[in-house]
Amino acid sequence: MMLRAKVRRWGDSLGLILPKELAAKAGLEEGDEVEITITKAVRLEGLFGKLPFKDLGALKEELRRGWGE
């Protein structure tokens, strides 16, 4: 199960809020322990224009070859 959430300040700490529907789907109740794997989300818009390339046609062909593997 994957969830994207914003980290928010909670007193002197940081916290995440699980939507009620997600908690219900996972069968979670108050006091349950969970295991969390944290990966910072990357916004693709922030990458736009930062990766240099010279030949759009060559890039397109390289991407096509990658899909065929």
N, C-alpha and C. Protein backbone atom coordinates (compact mmCIF):
# COMPACT_ATOMS: atom_id res chain seq x y z
N MET A 1 0.85 -1.17 0.00
CA MET A 1 0.00 0.00 0.00
C MET A 1 0.90 1.23 0.00
N MET A 2 0.61 2.18 -0.87
CA MET A 2 1.42 3.40 -0.95
C MET A 2 0.56 4.61 -0.64
N LEU A 3 1.14 5.55 0.07
CA LEU A 3 0.46 6.77 0.44
C LEU A 3 1.41 7.92 0.24
N ARG A 4 0.94 9.00 -0.32
CA ARG A 4 1.73 10.22 -0.42
C ARG A 4 1.10 11.21 0.53
N ALA A 5 1.90 11.74 1.45
CA ALA A 5 1.39 12.65 2.46
C ALA A 5 2.39 13.77 2.69
N LYS A 6 1.92 14.87 3.25
CA LYS A 6 2.80 15.97 3.61
C LYS A 6 3.21 15.83 5.07
N VAL A 7 4.47 16.11 5.33
CA VAL A 7 4.97 16.12 6.70
C VAL A 7 4.55 17.44 7.33
N ARG A 8 3.99 17.37 8.53
CA ARG A 8 3.51 18.57 9.21
C ARG A 8 4.11 18.65 10.61
N ARG A 9 4.25 19.86 11.08
CA ARG A 9 4.75 20.08 12.43
C ARG A 9 3.69 19.64 13.43
N TRP A 10 4.13 18.95 14.46
CA TRP A 10 3.24 18.46 15.51
C TRP A 10 3.98 18.70 16.82
N GLY A 11 3.79 19.88 17.40
CA GLY A 11 4.56 20.28 18.57
C GLY A 11 6.00 20.48 18.17
N ASP A 12 6.92 19.81 18.87
CA ASP A 12 8.35 19.89 18.53
C ASP A 12 8.75 18.79 17.55
N SER A 13 7.79 18.02 17.10
CA SER A 13 8.08 16.90 16.21
C SER A 13 7.46 17.13 14.84
N LEU A 14 7.62 16.16 13.96
CA LEU A 14 6.97 16.15 12.66
C LEU A 14 6.06 14.94 12.62
N GLY A 15 4.95 15.05 11.91
CA GLY A 15 4.02 13.94 11.86
C GLY A 15 3.35 13.79 10.51
N LEU A 16 2.76 12.63 10.30
CA LEU A 16 1.97 12.32 9.12
C LEU A 16 0.58 11.93 9.57
N ILE A 17 -0.42 12.34 8.83
CA ILE A 17 -1.81 11.97 9.13
C ILE A 17 -2.25 10.94 8.09
N LEU A 18 -2.79 9.83 8.56
CA LEU A 18 -3.34 8.82 7.65
C LEU A 18 -4.81 9.12 7.43
N PRO A 19 -5.24 9.21 6.17
CA PRO A 19 -6.67 9.40 5.92
C PRO A 19 -7.48 8.24 6.50
N LYS A 20 -8.66 8.55 6.98
CA LYS A 20 -9.54 7.57 7.62
C LYS A 20 -9.78 6.36 6.72
N GLU A 21 -10.00 6.61 5.43
CA GLU A 21 -10.28 5.53 4.49
C GLU A 21 -9.09 4.58 4.37
N LEU A 22 -7.89 5.13 4.35
CA LEU A 22 -6.69 4.30 4.24
C LEU A 22 -6.51 3.47 5.50
N ALA A 23 -6.71 4.09 6.66
CA ALA A 23 -6.57 3.36 7.93
C ALA A 23 -7.59 2.22 8.00
N ALA A 24 -8.81 2.49 7.56
CA ALA A 24 -9.84 1.45 7.57
C ALA A 24 -9.48 0.32 6.61
N LYS A 25 -9.00 0.67 5.42
CA LYS A 25 -8.63 -0.33 4.43
C LYS A 25 -7.52 -1.24 4.95
N ALA A 26 -6.59 -0.65 5.73
CA ALA A 26 -5.48 -1.43 6.28
C ALA A 26 -5.86 -2.12 7.58
N GLY A 27 -7.08 -1.85 8.08
CA GLY A 27 -7.52 -2.47 9.32
C GLY A 27 -6.82 -1.90 10.55
N LEU A 28 -6.38 -0.63 10.47
CA LEU A 28 -5.65 -0.02 11.58
C LEU A 28 -6.60 0.54 12.62
N GLU A 29 -6.17 0.41 13.86
CA GLU A 29 -6.92 0.99 14.98
C GLU A 29 -5.93 1.74 15.86
N GLU A 30 -6.45 2.64 16.69
CA GLU A 30 -5.60 3.40 17.60
C GLU A 30 -4.78 2.44 18.45
N GLY A 31 -3.49 2.73 18.55
CA GLY A 31 -2.59 1.89 19.35
C GLY A 31 -1.86 0.82 18.55
N ASP A 32 -2.31 0.54 17.31
CA ASP A 32 -1.62 -0.44 16.47
C ASP A 32 -0.23 0.07 16.12
N GLU A 33 0.71 -0.85 16.00
CA GLU A 33 2.04 -0.49 15.52
C GLU A 33 2.11 -0.77 14.03
N VAL A 34 2.81 0.10 13.31
CA VAL A 34 2.98 -0.08 11.87
C VAL A 34 4.45 0.04 11.52
N GLU A 35 4.83 -0.51 10.39
CA GLU A 35 6.17 -0.36 9.85
C GLU A 35 6.09 0.61 8.69
N ILE A 36 7.00 1.56 8.65
CA ILE A 36 6.98 2.59 7.63
C ILE A 36 8.32 2.62 6.91
N THR A 37 8.29 2.61 5.59
CA THR A 37 9.47 2.85 4.77
C THR A 37 9.34 4.25 4.21
N ILE A 38 10.32 5.09 4.45
CA ILE A 38 10.21 6.49 4.05
C ILE A 38 11.08 6.76 2.84
N THR A 39 10.48 7.34 1.82
CA THR A 39 11.17 7.79 0.62
C THR A 39 10.67 9.18 0.30
N LYS A 40 11.56 10.13 0.18
CA LYS A 40 11.15 11.49 -0.14
C LYS A 40 10.65 11.52 -1.58
N ALA A 41 9.47 12.08 -1.76
CA ALA A 41 8.87 12.17 -3.09
C ALA A 41 9.61 13.20 -3.93
N VAL A 42 9.77 12.90 -5.21
CA VAL A 42 10.41 13.81 -6.14
C VAL A 42 9.34 14.39 -7.05
N ARG A 43 9.32 15.70 -7.14
CA ARG A 43 8.37 16.35 -8.04
C ARG A 43 9.03 16.47 -9.41
N LEU A 44 8.44 15.84 -10.40
CA LEU A 44 9.02 15.84 -11.74
C LEU A 44 9.11 17.23 -12.34
N GLU A 45 8.20 18.12 -11.94
CA GLU A 45 8.24 19.49 -12.47
C GLU A 45 9.55 20.16 -12.11
N GLY A 46 10.11 19.81 -10.96
CA GLY A 46 11.36 20.41 -10.51
C GLY A 46 12.56 19.98 -11.33
N LEU A 47 12.44 18.86 -12.06
CA LEU A 47 13.53 18.37 -12.90
C LEU A 47 13.52 18.98 -14.30
N PHE A 48 12.42 19.59 -14.69
CA PHE A 48 12.28 20.11 -16.05
C PHE A 48 13.38 21.11 -16.38
N GLY A 49 14.09 20.85 -17.45
CA GLY A 49 15.14 21.76 -17.91
C GLY A 49 16.47 21.59 -17.19
N LYS A 50 16.60 20.66 -16.26
CA LYS A 50 17.84 20.51 -15.51
C LYS A 50 18.74 19.42 -16.07
N LEU A 51 18.21 18.55 -16.92
CA LEU A 51 19.00 17.49 -17.51
C LEU A 51 19.38 17.88 -18.93
N PRO A 52 20.66 18.13 -19.15
CA PRO A 52 21.08 18.59 -20.48
C PRO A 52 21.08 17.45 -21.51
N PHE A 53 20.69 17.76 -22.73
CA PHE A 53 20.81 16.84 -23.85
C PHE A 53 20.96 17.70 -25.10
N LYS A 54 21.67 17.16 -26.09
CA LYS A 54 21.95 17.93 -27.29
C LYS A 54 21.11 17.51 -28.47
N ASP A 55 20.80 16.23 -28.53
CA ASP A 55 20.11 15.71 -29.70
C ASP A 55 18.82 15.02 -29.26
N LEU A 56 17.70 15.67 -29.45
CA LEU A 56 16.42 15.12 -29.03
C LEU A 56 16.12 13.81 -29.75
N GLY A 57 16.48 13.71 -31.01
CA GLY A 57 16.24 12.48 -31.77
C GLY A 57 17.02 11.31 -31.18
N ALA A 58 18.29 11.55 -30.81
CA ALA A 58 19.11 10.49 -30.22
C ALA A 58 18.54 10.07 -28.86
N LEU A 59 18.08 11.02 -28.08
CA LEU A 59 17.47 10.72 -26.79
C LEU A 59 16.22 9.86 -26.98
N LYS A 60 15.42 10.22 -27.97
CA LYS A 60 14.19 9.47 -28.26
C LYS A 60 14.51 8.03 -28.65
N GLU A 61 15.53 7.83 -29.48
CA GLU A 61 15.92 6.48 -29.89
C GLU A 61 16.46 5.69 -28.70
N GLU A 62 17.23 6.33 -27.83
CA GLU A 62 17.75 5.65 -26.65
C GLU A 62 16.61 5.18 -25.75
N LEU A 63 15.61 6.02 -25.58
CA LEU A 63 14.45 5.66 -24.77
C LEU A 63 13.68 4.51 -25.40
N ARG A 64 13.54 4.53 -26.71
CA ARG A 64 12.84 3.44 -27.41
C ARG A 64 13.56 2.11 -27.21
N ARG A 65 14.89 2.12 -27.31
CA ARG A 65 15.68 0.88 -27.12
C ARG A 65 15.48 0.37 -25.70
N GLY A 66 15.42 1.26 -24.74
CA GLY A 66 15.24 0.85 -23.35
C GLY A 66 13.91 0.17 -23.12
N TRP A 67 12.87 0.59 -23.82
CA TRP A 67 11.54 -0.03 -23.65
C TRP A 67 11.51 -1.43 -24.23
N GLY A 68 12.35 -1.67 -25.24
CA GLY A 68 12.33 -2.97 -25.91
C GLY A 68 13.07 -4.07 -25.16
N GLU A 69 13.83 -3.70 -24.14
CA GLU A 69 14.64 -4.70 -23.42
C GLU A 69 13.81 -5.51 -22.47
